[in-house]
Protein backbone atom coordinates (compact mmCIF):
# COMPACT_ATOMS: atom_id res chain seq x y z
CA MET A 1 1.39 5.80 -8.39
CA ASN A 2 1.12 2.01 -8.72
CA LEU A 3 1.20 0.99 -12.37
CA ARG A 4 -0.22 -1.91 -14.32
CA VAL A 5 2.61 -3.08 -16.57
CA LEU A 6 2.41 -5.43 -19.55
CA LEU A 7 5.82 -7.07 -19.92
CA VAL A 8 6.42 -8.91 -23.20
CA GLU A 9 9.76 -10.74 -23.02
CA ASP A 10 10.63 -14.32 -24.01
CA ASP A 11 13.88 -14.54 -22.01
CA ARG A 12 12.73 -16.15 -18.76
CA GLU A 13 15.63 -14.88 -16.64
CA LEU A 14 15.19 -11.28 -17.79
CA ARG A 15 11.41 -11.54 -17.56
CA ASP A 16 11.56 -12.76 -13.95
CA MET A 17 14.12 -10.11 -13.01
CA LEU A 18 12.03 -7.30 -14.49
CA ARG A 19 8.84 -8.63 -12.92
CA ASN A 20 10.46 -8.83 -9.48
CA THR A 21 11.93 -5.34 -9.85
CA MET A 22 8.57 -3.89 -10.86
CA ALA A 23 6.92 -5.64 -7.90
CA VAL A 24 9.37 -4.01 -5.47
CA GLU A 25 8.46 -0.66 -7.01
CA GLY A 26 4.82 -1.42 -6.29
CA HIS A 27 3.71 -2.16 -9.84
CA ALA A 28 1.47 -5.02 -10.93
CA VAL A 29 3.06 -6.91 -13.82
CA SER A 30 1.32 -9.15 -16.34
CA ALA A 31 4.05 -11.07 -18.17
CA ALA A 32 3.90 -12.63 -21.62
CA ALA A 33 6.53 -14.67 -23.46
CA SER A 34 4.97 -14.45 -26.94
CA VAL A 35 2.89 -12.29 -29.24
CA ALA A 36 -0.13 -14.56 -28.69
CA ASP A 37 0.11 -14.35 -24.89
CA ALA A 38 0.56 -10.57 -25.02
CA TRP A 39 -2.45 -10.10 -27.25
CA ARG A 40 -4.57 -12.36 -25.03
CA LEU A 41 -3.67 -10.22 -22.00
CA THR A 42 -4.38 -7.06 -24.01
CA GLU A 43 -7.83 -8.23 -25.09
CA HIS A 44 -8.69 -9.23 -21.52
CA ALA A 45 -7.58 -5.83 -20.20
CA LEU A 46 -9.76 -4.09 -22.77
CA GLN A 47 -12.75 -6.33 -22.06
CA VAL A 48 -12.70 -5.73 -18.29
CA ASN A 49 -11.67 -2.06 -18.67
CA THR A 50 -8.43 -2.39 -16.70
CA PRO A 51 -5.93 -0.79 -19.09
CA PHE A 52 -2.20 -1.16 -18.75
CA ASP A 53 -0.31 2.02 -17.87
CA VAL A 54 2.80 1.03 -19.81
CA VAL A 55 4.01 -1.79 -22.07
CA LEU A 56 7.59 -3.11 -22.07
CA LEU A 57 7.99 -4.85 -25.43
CA ASP A 58 10.78 -7.11 -26.63
CA LEU A 59 11.05 -7.47 -30.41
CA GLY A 60 12.45 -10.98 -30.88
CA LEU A 61 9.50 -13.14 -29.87
CA PRO A 62 9.14 -16.84 -30.73
CA ASP A 63 5.87 -16.55 -32.64
CA GLY A 64 6.26 -13.23 -34.42
CA ASP A 65 7.84 -9.81 -34.67
CA GLY A 66 7.28 -7.36 -31.84
CA LEU A 67 6.72 -4.69 -34.48
CA ASP A 68 3.48 -6.42 -35.52
CA LEU A 69 2.33 -6.40 -31.91
CA LEU A 70 3.24 -2.71 -31.64
CA HIS A 71 0.98 -1.98 -34.63
CA LYS A 72 -1.95 -3.84 -33.04
CA LEU A 73 -1.45 -2.14 -29.68
CA LYS A 74 -1.40 1.30 -31.27
CA GLN A 75 -4.58 0.53 -33.23
CA LYS A 76 -6.49 -0.54 -30.13
CA THR A 77 -4.95 1.41 -27.22
CA ARG A 78 -3.21 4.58 -26.16
CA TRP A 79 -0.82 2.77 -23.80
CA PRO A 80 2.79 3.99 -23.90
CA VAL A 81 5.11 1.34 -25.34
CA LEU A 82 8.81 1.09 -24.44
CA VAL A 83 10.68 -1.23 -26.78
CA ILE A 84 13.49 -3.26 -25.17
CA SER A 85 15.77 -5.00 -27.63
CA ALA A 86 19.31 -6.17 -28.27
CA GLN A 87 19.05 -4.74 -31.78
CA GLN A 88 21.04 -1.54 -32.21
CA ASP A 89 20.35 -0.74 -35.87
CA GLU A 90 19.59 3.00 -36.08
CA ALA A 91 17.18 2.65 -39.00
CA ARG A 92 15.21 0.05 -37.03
CA LYS A 93 14.99 2.35 -34.01
CA ILE A 94 13.80 5.25 -36.14
CA ARG A 95 11.14 3.08 -37.76
CA LEU A 96 9.84 1.88 -34.40
CA LEU A 97 9.67 5.40 -33.01
CA ASP A 98 7.94 6.65 -36.15
CA GLU A 99 5.40 3.84 -35.93
CA GLY A 100 4.34 4.58 -32.37
CA ALA A 101 6.93 3.38 -29.85
CA ASP A 102 7.45 5.92 -27.08
CA ASP A 103 11.07 4.95 -26.47
CA PHE A 104 13.72 2.37 -27.35
CA LEU A 105 16.04 0.81 -24.79
CA VAL A 106 18.99 -1.32 -25.92
CA LYS A 107 19.88 -4.45 -23.93
CA PRO A 108 21.65 -4.70 -21.59
CA PHE A 109 20.29 -1.75 -19.66
CA GLY A 110 20.19 -0.62 -16.04
CA ILE A 111 16.99 -0.77 -14.02
CA GLY A 112 17.45 2.87 -13.03
CA GLU A 113 17.43 3.90 -16.68
CA LEU A 114 14.36 1.78 -17.41
CA LEU A 115 12.41 3.35 -14.53
CA ALA A 116 13.52 6.83 -15.63
CA ARG A 117 12.30 6.21 -19.19
CA MET A 118 9.00 4.90 -17.84
CA ARG A 119 8.61 8.13 -15.87
CA VAL A 120 9.29 10.18 -19.00
CA ALA A 121 6.75 8.21 -21.05
CA LEU A 122 4.11 8.77 -18.38
CA ARG A 123 4.92 12.47 -18.03
CA HIS A 124 4.27 12.86 -21.74
CA ARG A 125 0.73 11.68 -20.96
CA GLY A 126 0.30 13.98 -17.99
CA LEU A 127 0.90 11.31 -15.33
CA ALA A 128 3.39 11.33 -12.49
CA MET A 129 5.26 8.21 -11.38
CA GLN A 130 6.43 8.59 -7.79
CA ALA A 131 9.29 6.68 -6.25
CA ALA A 132 8.05 3.65 -4.33
CA ILE A 133 8.16 3.36 -0.55
CA THR A 134 10.39 0.34 0.02
CA HIS A 135 11.47 0.77 3.66
CA TYR A 136 9.19 0.91 6.71
CA GLN A 137 9.75 0.98 10.45
CA HIS A 138 7.24 1.12 13.28
CA GLY A 139 8.32 0.30 16.80
CA GLU A 140 10.31 -2.93 16.64
CA VAL A 141 9.03 -3.94 13.19
CA THR A 142 11.18 -3.14 10.15
CA VAL A 143 10.37 -3.99 6.54
CA ASP A 144 12.85 -3.71 3.66
CA LEU A 145 11.01 -4.56 0.44
CA LYS A 146 14.07 -4.45 -1.80
CA ARG A 147 15.83 -7.06 0.31
CA ARG A 148 12.58 -8.89 1.08
CA ASN A 149 13.57 -8.66 4.72
CA VAL A 150 11.15 -8.37 7.66
CA LEU A 151 12.34 -8.01 11.28
CA ARG A 152 10.52 -7.95 14.60
CA ALA A 153 12.63 -7.11 17.64
CA ASN A 154 15.72 -7.68 15.44
CA GLN A 155 14.61 -11.21 14.63
CA THR A 156 13.90 -12.28 11.05
CA VAL A 157 10.23 -12.97 10.38
CA HIS A 158 9.60 -15.62 7.75
CA LEU A 159 6.60 -14.80 5.56
CA THR A 160 4.99 -16.79 2.77
CA PRO A 161 5.02 -15.13 -0.68
CA THR A 162 1.37 -14.12 -0.31
CA GLU A 163 1.90 -12.76 3.20
CA PHE A 164 4.84 -10.71 1.95
CA SER A 165 2.85 -9.39 -1.03
CA LEU A 166 0.02 -8.30 1.26
CA LEU A 167 2.40 -6.60 3.68
CA ALA A 168 4.27 -4.93 0.80
CA ARG A 169 1.02 -3.50 -0.55
CA LEU A 170 0.22 -2.00 2.85
CA VAL A 171 3.78 -0.65 3.24
CA ARG A 172 3.43 1.28 -0.02
CA SER A 173 0.38 3.04 1.43
CA ALA A 174 1.57 3.21 5.05
CA GLY A 175 -0.73 5.36 7.16
CA GLN A 176 -3.51 5.24 4.58
CA VAL A 177 -6.55 3.00 4.36
CA VAL A 178 -6.37 0.42 1.57
CA THR A 179 -9.81 -0.94 0.73
CA HIS A 180 -10.70 -4.61 0.58
CA PRO A 181 -11.14 -4.53 -3.25
CA GLN A 182 -7.81 -2.75 -3.71
CA LEU A 183 -5.94 -5.31 -1.63
CA LEU A 184 -7.63 -8.26 -3.29
CA ARG A 185 -7.01 -6.91 -6.78
CA ASP A 186 -3.36 -6.00 -6.15
CA VAL A 187 -2.39 -9.17 -4.27
CA TRP A 188 -4.63 -11.89 -5.72
CA GLY A 189 -5.85 -10.39 -9.01
CA ALA A 190 -8.96 -8.71 -10.39
CA GLU A 191 -10.91 -11.99 -10.45
CA HIS A 192 -10.74 -12.17 -6.62
CA VAL A 193 -12.06 -8.72 -5.65
CA HIS A 194 -14.99 -10.26 -3.75
CA ASP A 195 -13.02 -12.99 -1.92
CA THR A 196 -12.70 -11.13 1.39
CA HIS A 197 -12.12 -14.40 3.25
CA TYR A 198 -8.61 -14.41 1.73
CA LEU A 199 -7.91 -11.11 3.45
CA ARG A 200 -9.21 -12.21 6.83
CA LEU A 201 -7.14 -15.38 6.70
CA TYR A 202 -3.85 -13.76 5.64
CA MET A 203 -4.27 -10.71 7.82
CA GLY A 204 -4.70 -13.04 10.78
CA GLN A 205 -1.49 -14.84 9.80
CA LEU A 206 0.42 -11.57 9.44
CA ARG A 207 -0.79 -10.36 12.83
CA SER A 208 0.28 -13.60 14.47
CA LYS A 209 3.81 -13.04 13.13
CA LEU A 210 4.19 -9.26 13.53
CA GLU A 211 1.97 -8.12 16.40
CA PHE A 212 3.05 -8.61 20.01
CA ASP A 213 -0.62 -9.09 20.88
CA PRO A 214 -2.54 -10.19 17.76
CA ALA A 215 -5.83 -9.71 19.63
CA ASP A 216 -4.99 -6.02 20.12
CA PRO A 217 -3.18 -5.03 16.90
CA GLN A 218 -1.11 -1.86 16.93
CA LEU A 219 0.46 -2.27 13.49
CA LEU A 220 -2.03 -3.90 11.13
CA LEU A 221 -5.21 -1.95 11.78
CA THR A 222 -8.78 -2.73 10.70
CA GLU A 223 -10.97 -0.02 9.22
CA THR A 224 -14.33 -1.71 9.79
CA GLY A 225 -16.28 -2.33 6.63
CA VAL A 226 -13.66 -0.56 4.49
CA GLY A 227 -10.24 -2.19 4.56
CA TYR A 228 -6.95 -2.21 6.43
CA ARG A 229 -4.32 0.35 7.33
CA LEU A 230 -0.68 -0.05 8.28
CA ALA A 231 0.20 2.25 11.19
CA GLU A 232 2.12 5.41 10.38
CA PRO A 233 5.88 4.80 10.19
CA ASP A 234 8.07 6.16 12.96
CA THR A 235 9.33 9.68 12.38
CA PRO A 236 13.13 9.67 12.12
CA ALA A 237 14.83 11.41 15.02
């Protein structure tokens, strides 16, 4: 499943790394660098009824203690919260877990461990987090999301960030129809779910780069009035 993740982390390098990693896994990340930013994103999510599936919460924030934010989140939501912190004090960990945190991960940590703990937190709520599809091949087109590498006939295809995000979203649902609202929400954001002209423009650009005959697409397929579908991947021999 694709998750909506609230990432609260003031270290820009770590924040960008985690956001990019979550994106490769197919998750939509809203990032905040402070308590105020995190609470603003939380209130917006509650107002528009688009809850976050999981929160990754750093404790040492510039405008307050992450523990205070944890209290507010637990009062207003049922979102699982994974605390990520350099603090290793056992009493502090116990207090956080007792006050509602679902888990505690000490920095530095491996991405594999983080994803595993996210899966555990979701399982406790009856949800399953499937491994993301990150590699796709159809005919002479190959997409490797982890390496951000796209090839056509063994030649590198240069995509803009938005083109790559759109293709990545289709790769994660290869063979299945993805509706116009789903694509617009996942690539451009919830405020653009009616801007279908974005899709027509960028789908045309993708076809011009990936299809051998853009006028007769065999890879990026239109489901009239519904959305788009990426052709089924080749079956390995």
